[in-house]
Every structure is written in C-alpha cells, then in structure tokens.
C-alpha cells in the first residue's frame, strides 16, 4: 500500500500528538473554530481513537459571529470534548474593541486572554494549528517550541528537529507550544478537509 502526501502529513501529525501526550502533563489545545484548528481537532480525535485526552481552549473576544459560537457548542457536544472558554474580562470591561486598532485589540483580547487562561489553569503546553507557510516569522518555528515564563519566544534559540527527533526536555518554567500542522500548507488543509469530509464552520465554506 502506498502512502500519499496527505497520509504522510496525517501520520506525522498523529505522531506529534502522541509524542507530546507521552512527554508532557497539563496539555491543552487552542480551538479558534477556523479551518486549521478544526483540522487539528480532527487529527487529535484520530490520534486518540475518538476521545481527546486534554481540554480544548477557545478564547472568546466577545466579537465572534453567532454562527461560530453555535458551531463551537454543537461540535463540542457531538465530539464530547472538554471545552474551556476564556476571556480577557478586564480588557473587555475597559472598552477594548477593534476600533482601538487591530494589533492592540488582538493582543489584548486574544493573546493576553490566552496567556491569562494558561497561567490560571496551569497548562504547561498547548497545541496550536499554525503552519510555516502563513508568514515569515512562523517559518522559524519548531514543532516543539519553548516559551519562557512570560510566554516570550527567543526565535534565535531554536534547536534543529531532524529525522523526527524532537527536543522535549525543558525547564520547569518553560511553556511549550506544539505545532502538529507546521509542515502543512493551506492547500493541504483544504484537500484534507475535502477528503475527510470534516464539518468545518459554515462561515469558512
């Protein structure tokens, strides 16, 4: 039996999920409801035979389309996942909106919201659905990518990951970002969604 390109990517992602679960405790997975993170969730379900053994985290900015929220709650129930919804309530109460500027808004409502939740719940590692082809800085990422206790990333200190040999030994204050989709392209994602018939949010169709 030959293994095609999508099979190879799927196998690699499943291996990463299982390796991370074997090496780390206190894991979670970010689910933004987009096509990439929903594909990531589909792969996690495959990796663990239909039962995801760690919680999903969704950061609600308060500006999500109702269709996304309905889809999130419906699929979380159907797939029987442990869903944690977080918000940066302080930023929302202070009046942070997209009108304040895209960077400031995303940083406050998404990035800081996620960091607050991870810190509060004590998660030491989180799966993310990022890909190298999205932007230049992400091309520097590794599959197991360490952050310091302030969630800051030293992009110059990225050990090579050759022949599926991943660095999973980090200090106690290290937070680890895990990227099972790093080798995928956007075309790979859409082809895999079509092949697997993954039920993505209607807003992305």
C-alpha atoms as a PDB file:
ATOM      1  CA  UNK A   1       0.000   0.000   0.000  1.00  0.00           C
ATOM      2  CA  UNK A   2       1.410   3.377  -0.983  1.00  0.00           C
ATOM      3  CA  UNK A   3       1.230   6.362   1.346  1.00  0.00           C
ATOM      4  CA  UNK A   4       0.193   9.559  -0.400  1.00  0.00           C
ATOM      5  CA  UNK A   5       1.088  13.115   0.578  1.00  0.00           C
ATOM      6  CA  UNK A   6      -1.939  13.667   2.829  1.00  0.00           C
ATOM      7  CA  UNK A   7      -1.455  10.292   4.508  1.00  0.00           C
ATOM      8  CA  UNK A   8       2.150  11.204   5.283  1.00  0.00           C
ATOM      9  CA  UNK A   9       1.128  14.548   6.789  1.00  0.00           C
ATOM     10  CA  UNK A  10      -1.630  12.894   8.805  1.00  0.00           C
ATOM     11  CA  UNK A  11       0.776  10.265  10.138  1.00  0.00           C
ATOM     12  CA  UNK A  12       3.298  12.923  11.159  1.00  0.00           C
ATOM     13  CA  UNK A  13       0.657  14.970  12.989  1.00  0.00           C
ATOM     14  CA  UNK A  14      -0.697  11.935  14.826  1.00  0.00           C
ATOM     15  CA  UNK A  15       2.840  11.004  15.854  1.00  0.00           C
ATOM     16  CA  UNK A  16       3.397  14.523  17.221  1.00  0.00           C
ATOM     17  CA  UNK A  17       0.168  14.390  19.223  1.00  0.00           C
ATOM     18  CA  UNK A  18       1.071  11.059  20.771  1.00  0.00           C
ATOM     19  CA  UNK A  19       4.674  12.054  21.463  1.00  0.00           C
ATOM     20  CA  UNK A  20       3.566  15.251  23.216  1.00  0.00           C
ATOM     21  CA  UNK A  21       0.955  13.403  25.259  1.00  0.00           C
ATOM     22  CA  UNK A  22       3.609  10.881  26.302  1.00  0.00           C
ATOM     23  CA  UNK A  23       6.153  13.526  27.302  1.00  0.00           C
ATOM     24  CA  UNK A  24       4.062  16.289  28.894  1.00  0.00           C
ATOM     25  CA  UNK A  25       1.377  16.687  31.504  1.00  0.00           C
ATOM     26  CA  UNK A  26      -1.091  19.576  31.731  1.00  0.00           C
ATOM     27  CA  UNK A  27      -1.715  19.920  27.998  1.00  0.00           C
ATOM     28  CA  UNK A  28      -4.483  21.811  26.220  1.00  0.00           C
ATOM     29  CA  UNK A  29      -5.358  22.646  22.615  1.00  0.00           C
ATOM     30  CA  UNK A  30      -6.363  26.017  21.207  1.00  0.00           C
ATOM     31  CA  UNK A  31      -9.527  25.806  19.113  1.00  0.00           C
ATOM     32  CA  UNK A  32     -10.205  29.074  17.307  1.00  0.00           C
ATOM     33  CA  UNK A  33     -13.040  27.465  15.270  1.00  0.00           C
ATOM     34  CA  UNK A  34     -11.190  28.163  11.999  1.00  0.00           C
ATOM     35  CA  UNK A  35     -10.380  25.565   9.355  1.00  0.00           C
ATOM     36  CA  UNK A  36      -6.839  24.911  10.647  1.00  0.00           C
ATOM     37  CA  UNK A  37      -7.714  24.404  14.297  1.00  0.00           C
ATOM     38  CA  UNK A  38     -10.740  22.290  13.374  1.00  0.00           C
ATOM     39  CA  UNK A  39      -8.487  20.113  11.209  1.00  0.00           C
ATOM     40  CA  UNK A  40      -6.152  19.922  14.203  1.00  0.00           C
ATOM     41  CA  UNK A  41      -9.046  18.752  16.368  1.00  0.00           C
ATOM     42  CA  UNK A  42      -9.982  16.130  13.770  1.00  0.00           C
ATOM     43  CA  UNK A  43      -6.407  14.808  13.867  1.00  0.00           C
ATOM     44  CA  UNK A  44      -6.390  14.782  17.672  1.00  0.00           C
ATOM     45  CA  UNK A  45      -9.528  12.655  17.640  1.00  0.00           C
ATOM     46  CA  UNK A  46      -7.834  10.257  15.220  1.00  0.00           C
ATOM     47  CA  UNK A  47      -4.665  10.145  17.313  1.00  0.00           C
ATOM     48  CA  UNK A  48      -6.557   9.083  20.438  1.00  0.00           C
ATOM     49  CA  UNK A  49      -9.258   6.920  18.850  1.00  0.00           C
ATOM     50  CA  UNK A  50     -12.078   9.438  19.080  1.00  0.00           C
ATOM     51  CA  UNK A  51     -11.538  10.664  22.650  1.00  0.00           C
ATOM     52  CA  UNK A  52      -9.365  13.771  23.026  1.00  0.00           C
ATOM     53  CA  UNK A  53      -7.488  13.365  26.345  1.00  0.00           C
ATOM     54  CA  UNK A  54      -6.909  17.077  27.000  1.00  0.00           C
ATOM     55  CA  UNK A  55      -9.204  20.113  27.117  1.00  0.00           C
ATOM     56  CA  UNK A  56      -9.881  22.467  24.233  1.00  0.00           C
ATOM     57  CA  UNK A  57      -9.457  26.184  24.838  1.00  0.00           C
ATOM     58  CA  UNK A  58     -11.451  28.796  22.973  1.00  0.00           C
ATOM     59  CA  UNK A  59     -10.743  32.482  23.589  1.00  0.00           C
ATOM     60  CA  UNK A  60     -13.978  34.427  23.132  1.00  0.00           C
ATOM     61  CA  UNK A  61     -13.281  38.044  22.226  1.00  0.00           C
ATOM     62  CA  UNK A  62     -16.941  38.982  22.505  1.00  0.00           C
ATOM     63  CA  UNK A  63     -16.961  39.809  18.788  1.00  0.00           C
ATOM     64  CA  UNK A  64     -17.375  36.309  17.370  1.00  0.00           C
ATOM     65  CA  UNK A  65     -20.157  35.720  14.859  1.00  0.00           C
ATOM     66  CA  UNK A  66     -23.131  33.854  16.434  1.00  0.00           C
ATOM     67  CA  UNK A  67     -22.717  31.133  13.790  1.00  0.00           C
ATOM     68  CA  UNK A  68     -19.241  30.391  15.166  1.00  0.00           C
ATOM     69  CA  UNK A  69     -20.495  30.113  18.734  1.00  0.00           C
ATOM     70  CA  UNK A  70     -23.360  27.844  17.684  1.00  0.00           C
ATOM     71  CA  UNK A  71     -20.956  25.651  15.712  1.00  0.00           C
ATOM     72  CA  UNK A  72     -18.464  25.552  18.612  1.00  0.00           C
ATOM     73  CA  UNK A  73     -21.023  24.426  21.172  1.00  0.00           C
ATOM     74  CA  UNK A  74     -22.659  21.932  18.834  1.00  0.00           C
ATOM     75  CA  UNK A  75     -19.429  20.244  17.767  1.00  0.00           C
ATOM     76  CA  UNK A  76     -18.005  20.223  21.306  1.00  0.00           C
ATOM     77  CA  UNK A  77     -21.101  18.324  22.419  1.00  0.00           C
ATOM     78  CA  UNK A  78     -21.130  15.999  19.417  1.00  0.00           C
ATOM     79  CA  UNK A  79     -17.436  15.150  19.711  1.00  0.00           C
ATOM     80  CA  UNK A  80     -17.593  15.013  23.533  1.00  0.00           C
ATOM     81  CA  UNK A  81     -14.633  17.309  24.163  1.00  0.00           C
ATOM     82  CA  UNK A  82     -13.811  19.195  27.348  1.00  0.00           C
ATOM     83  CA  UNK A  83     -14.267  22.814  26.239  1.00  0.00           C
ATOM     84  CA  UNK A  84     -12.881  25.735  28.243  1.00  0.00           C
ATOM     85  CA  UNK A  85     -13.976  29.216  27.139  1.00  0.00           C
ATOM     86  CA  UNK A  86     -11.789  32.099  28.281  1.00  0.00           C
ATOM     87  CA  UNK A  87     -11.977  35.879  28.031  1.00  0.00           C
ATOM     88  CA  UNK A  88      -9.807  38.819  28.976  1.00  0.00           C
ATOM     89  CA  UNK A  89     -12.622  40.309  31.026  1.00  0.00           C
ATOM     90  CA  UNK A  90     -10.561  43.267  32.199  1.00  0.00           C
ATOM     91  CA  UNK A  91      -9.831  44.348  28.617  1.00  0.00           C
ATOM     92  CA  UNK A  92     -13.459  43.874  27.582  1.00  0.00           C
ATOM     93  CA  UNK A  93     -14.721  45.876  30.566  1.00  0.00           C
ATOM     94  CA  UNK A  94     -12.241  48.666  29.803  1.00  0.00           C
ATOM     95  CA  UNK A  95     -13.798  49.053  26.350  1.00  0.00           C
ATOM     96  CA  UNK A  96     -11.257  47.292  24.134  1.00  0.00           C
ATOM     97  CA  UNK A  97     -12.736  46.953  20.640  1.00  0.00           C
ATOM     98  CA  UNK A  98     -11.402  46.544  17.059  1.00  0.00           C
ATOM     99  CA  UNK A  99     -11.755  50.318  16.699  1.00  0.00           C
ATOM    100  CA  UNK A 100      -8.731  50.658  19.008  1.00  0.00           C
ATOM    101  CA  UNK A 101      -6.586  49.135  16.264  1.00  0.00           C
ATOM    102  CA  UNK A 102      -6.221  45.579  15.058  1.00  0.00           C
ATOM    103  CA  UNK A 103      -2.907  44.867  16.804  1.00  0.00           C
ATOM    104  CA  UNK A 104      -3.933  46.343  20.152  1.00  0.00           C
ATOM    105  CA  UNK A 105      -7.292  44.590  20.050  1.00  0.00           C
ATOM    106  CA  UNK A 106      -5.939  41.166  19.061  1.00  0.00           C
ATOM    107  CA  UNK A 107      -3.129  41.401  21.589  1.00  0.00           C
ATOM    108  CA  UNK A 108      -5.475  42.284  24.442  1.00  0.00           C
ATOM    109  CA  UNK A 109      -8.446  40.067  23.629  1.00  0.00           C
ATOM    110  CA  UNK A 110      -6.714  37.065  22.047  1.00  0.00           C
ATOM    111  CA  UNK A 111      -3.040  36.862  23.084  1.00  0.00           C
ATOM    112  CA  UNK A 112      -3.402  38.163  26.622  1.00  0.00           C
ATOM    113  CA  UNK A 113      -6.682  36.317  27.054  1.00  0.00           C
ATOM    114  CA  UNK A 114      -4.956  33.048  26.149  1.00  0.00           C
ATOM    115  CA  UNK A 115      -1.947  33.738  28.365  1.00  0.00           C
ATOM    116  CA  UNK A 116      -4.164  34.535  31.331  1.00  0.00           C
ATOM    117  CA  UNK A 117      -6.108  31.301  30.924  1.00  0.00           C
ATOM    118  CA  UNK A 118      -2.990  29.157  30.502  1.00  0.00           C
ATOM    119  CA  UNK A 119      -1.417  30.714  33.576  1.00  0.00           C
ATOM    120  CA  UNK A 120      -4.578  30.447  35.657  1.00  0.00           C
ATOM    121  CA  UNK A 121      -5.199  26.796  34.736  1.00  0.00           C
ATOM    122  CA  UNK A 122      -1.540  25.766  34.924  1.00  0.00           C
ATOM    123  CA  UNK A 123      -1.234  24.380  31.397  1.00  0.00           C
ATOM    124  CA  UNK A 124       2.421  23.754  30.534  1.00  0.00           C
ATOM    125  CA  UNK A 125       1.894  23.023  26.857  1.00  0.00           C
ATOM    126  CA  UNK A 126      -0.650  23.880  24.204  1.00  0.00           C
ATOM    127  CA  UNK A 127      -1.308  22.545  20.711  1.00  0.00           C
ATOM    128  CA  UNK A 128      -1.753  25.220  18.039  1.00  0.00           C
ATOM    129  CA  UNK A 129      -2.837  24.960  14.411  1.00  0.00           C
ATOM    130  CA  UNK A 130      -0.197  27.198  12.841  1.00  0.00           C
ATOM    131  CA  UNK A 131       1.586  26.474   9.551  1.00  0.00           C
ATOM    132  CA  UNK A 132       5.011  27.565   8.295  1.00  0.00           C
ATOM    133  CA  UNK A 133       3.551  28.946   5.069  1.00  0.00           C
ATOM    134  CA  UNK A 134       1.373  31.521   6.864  1.00  0.00           C
ATOM    135  CA  UNK A 135       4.056  34.164   7.393  1.00  0.00           C
ATOM    136  CA  UNK A 136       7.804  34.643   7.632  1.00  0.00           C
ATOM    137  CA  UNK A 137       8.137  34.504  11.417  1.00  0.00           C
ATOM    138  CA  UNK A 138       6.344  31.173  11.589  1.00  0.00           C
ATOM    139  CA  UNK A 139       8.895  29.658   9.245  1.00  0.00           C
ATOM    140  CA  UNK A 140      11.310  29.912  12.201  1.00  0.00           C
ATOM    141  CA  UNK A 141       9.066  27.875  14.498  1.00  0.00           C
ATOM    142  CA  UNK A 142       9.799  24.336  15.614  1.00  0.00           C
ATOM    143  CA  UNK A 143       7.230  21.637  16.258  1.00  0.00           C
ATOM    144  CA  UNK A 144       8.062  21.765  19.971  1.00  0.00           C
ATOM    145  CA  UNK A 145       8.667  25.471  20.525  1.00  0.00           C
ATOM    146  CA  UNK A 146       9.598  26.708  24.030  1.00  0.00           C
ATOM    147  CA  UNK A 147       8.497  29.994  25.599  1.00  0.00           C
ATOM    148  CA  UNK A 148       9.787  31.412  28.861  1.00  0.00           C
ATOM    149  CA  UNK A 149       7.701  32.043  31.967  1.00  0.00           C
ATOM    150  CA  UNK A 150       6.492  35.315  30.407  1.00  0.00           C
ATOM    151  CA  UNK A 151       5.373  33.446  27.252  1.00  0.00           C
ATOM    152  CA  UNK A 152       8.134  35.159  25.248  1.00  0.00           C
ATOM    153  CA  UNK A 153       9.802  33.369  22.343  1.00  0.00           C
ATOM    154  CA  UNK A 154      13.520  33.529  21.550  1.00  0.00           C
ATOM    155  CA  UNK A 155      13.388  32.828  17.821  1.00  0.00           C
ATOM    156  CA  UNK A 156      17.211  32.753  17.671  1.00  0.00           C
ATOM    157  CA  UNK A 157      17.351  29.801  20.052  1.00  0.00           C
ATOM    158  CA  UNK A 158      15.549  27.165  18.012  1.00  0.00           C
ATOM    159  CA  UNK A 159      17.217  23.726  18.011  1.00  0.00           C
ATOM    160  CA  UNK A 160      17.058  21.722  14.776  1.00  0.00           C
ATOM    161  CA  UNK A 161      14.476  18.951  14.528  1.00  0.00           C
ATOM    162  CA  UNK A 162      15.955  16.308  12.249  1.00  0.00           C
ATOM    163  CA  UNK A 163      14.605  12.839  11.459  1.00  0.00           C
ATOM    164  CA  UNK A 164      11.646  13.325  13.820  1.00  0.00           C
ATOM    165  CA  UNK A 165      13.994  13.818  16.763  1.00  0.00           C
ATOM    166  CA  UNK A 166      12.218  16.459  18.844  1.00  0.00           C
ATOM    167  CA  UNK A 167      13.553  18.316  21.856  1.00  0.00           C
ATOM    168  CA  UNK A 168      11.044  17.683  24.641  1.00  0.00           C
ATOM    169  CA  UNK A 169      13.315  18.381  27.621  1.00  0.00           C
ATOM    170  CA  UNK A 170      12.609  21.837  29.007  1.00  0.00           C
ATOM    171  CA  UNK A 171      12.956  23.577  32.366  1.00  0.00           C
ATOM    172  CA  UNK A 172      10.090  23.805  34.871  1.00  0.00           C
ATOM    173  CA  UNK A 173       9.319  27.429  33.985  1.00  0.00           C
ATOM    174  CA  UNK A 174       9.073  26.706  30.260  1.00  0.00           C
ATOM    175  CA  UNK A 175       5.788  26.844  28.411  1.00  0.00           C
ATOM    176  CA  UNK A 176       5.758  24.723  25.241  1.00  0.00           C
ATOM    177  CA  UNK A 177       3.854  25.472  22.052  1.00  0.00           C
ATOM    178  CA  UNK A 178       3.268  22.315  19.989  1.00  0.00           C
ATOM    179  CA  UNK A 179       2.573  22.609  16.260  1.00  0.00           C
ATOM    180  CA  UNK A 180       1.313  19.385  14.601  1.00  0.00           C
ATOM    181  CA  UNK A 181       0.331  21.261  11.403  1.00  0.00           C
ATOM    182  CA  UNK A 182       3.618  23.093  10.923  1.00  0.00           C
ATOM    183  CA  UNK A 183       4.543  21.182   7.743  1.00  0.00           C
ATOM    184  CA  UNK A 184       1.100  21.549   6.161  1.00  0.00           C
ATOM    185  CA  UNK A 185       0.180  24.160   3.549  1.00  0.00           C
ATOM    186  CA  UNK A 186      -3.177  25.877   3.156  1.00  0.00           C
ATOM    187  CA  UNK A 187      -3.856  23.719   0.089  1.00  0.00           C
ATOM    188  CA  UNK A 188      -3.083  20.599   2.138  1.00  0.00           C
ATOM    189  CA  UNK A 189      -5.648  21.715   4.728  1.00  0.00           C
ATOM    190  CA  UNK A 190      -8.418  22.225   2.176  1.00  0.00           C
ATOM    191  CA  UNK A 191      -7.642  18.944   0.373  1.00  0.00           C
ATOM    192  CA  UNK A 192      -7.654  17.075   3.678  1.00  0.00           C
ATOM    193  CA  UNK A 193     -10.947  18.692   4.719  1.00  0.00           C
ATOM    194  CA  UNK A 194     -12.483  17.559   1.433  1.00  0.00           C
ATOM    195  CA  UNK A 195     -11.058  14.053   1.673  1.00  0.00           C
ATOM    196  CA  UNK A 196     -12.086  13.517   5.294  1.00  0.00           C
ATOM    197  CA  UNK A 197     -15.354  15.443   4.962  1.00  0.00           C
ATOM    198  CA  UNK A 198     -14.538  17.449   8.073  1.00  0.00           C
ATOM    199  CA  UNK A 199     -17.534  19.533   9.195  1.00  0.00           C
ATOM    200  CA  UNK A 200     -15.935  22.983   9.356  1.00  0.00           C
ATOM    201  CA  UNK A 201     -17.766  26.113  10.471  1.00  0.00           C
ATOM    202  CA  UNK A 202     -20.157  27.291   7.701  1.00  0.00           C
ATOM    203  CA  UNK A 203     -18.540  30.739   7.712  1.00  0.00           C
ATOM    204  CA  UNK A 204     -15.377  29.206   6.201  1.00  0.00           C
ATOM    205  CA  UNK A 205     -17.089  27.425   3.319  1.00  0.00           C
END
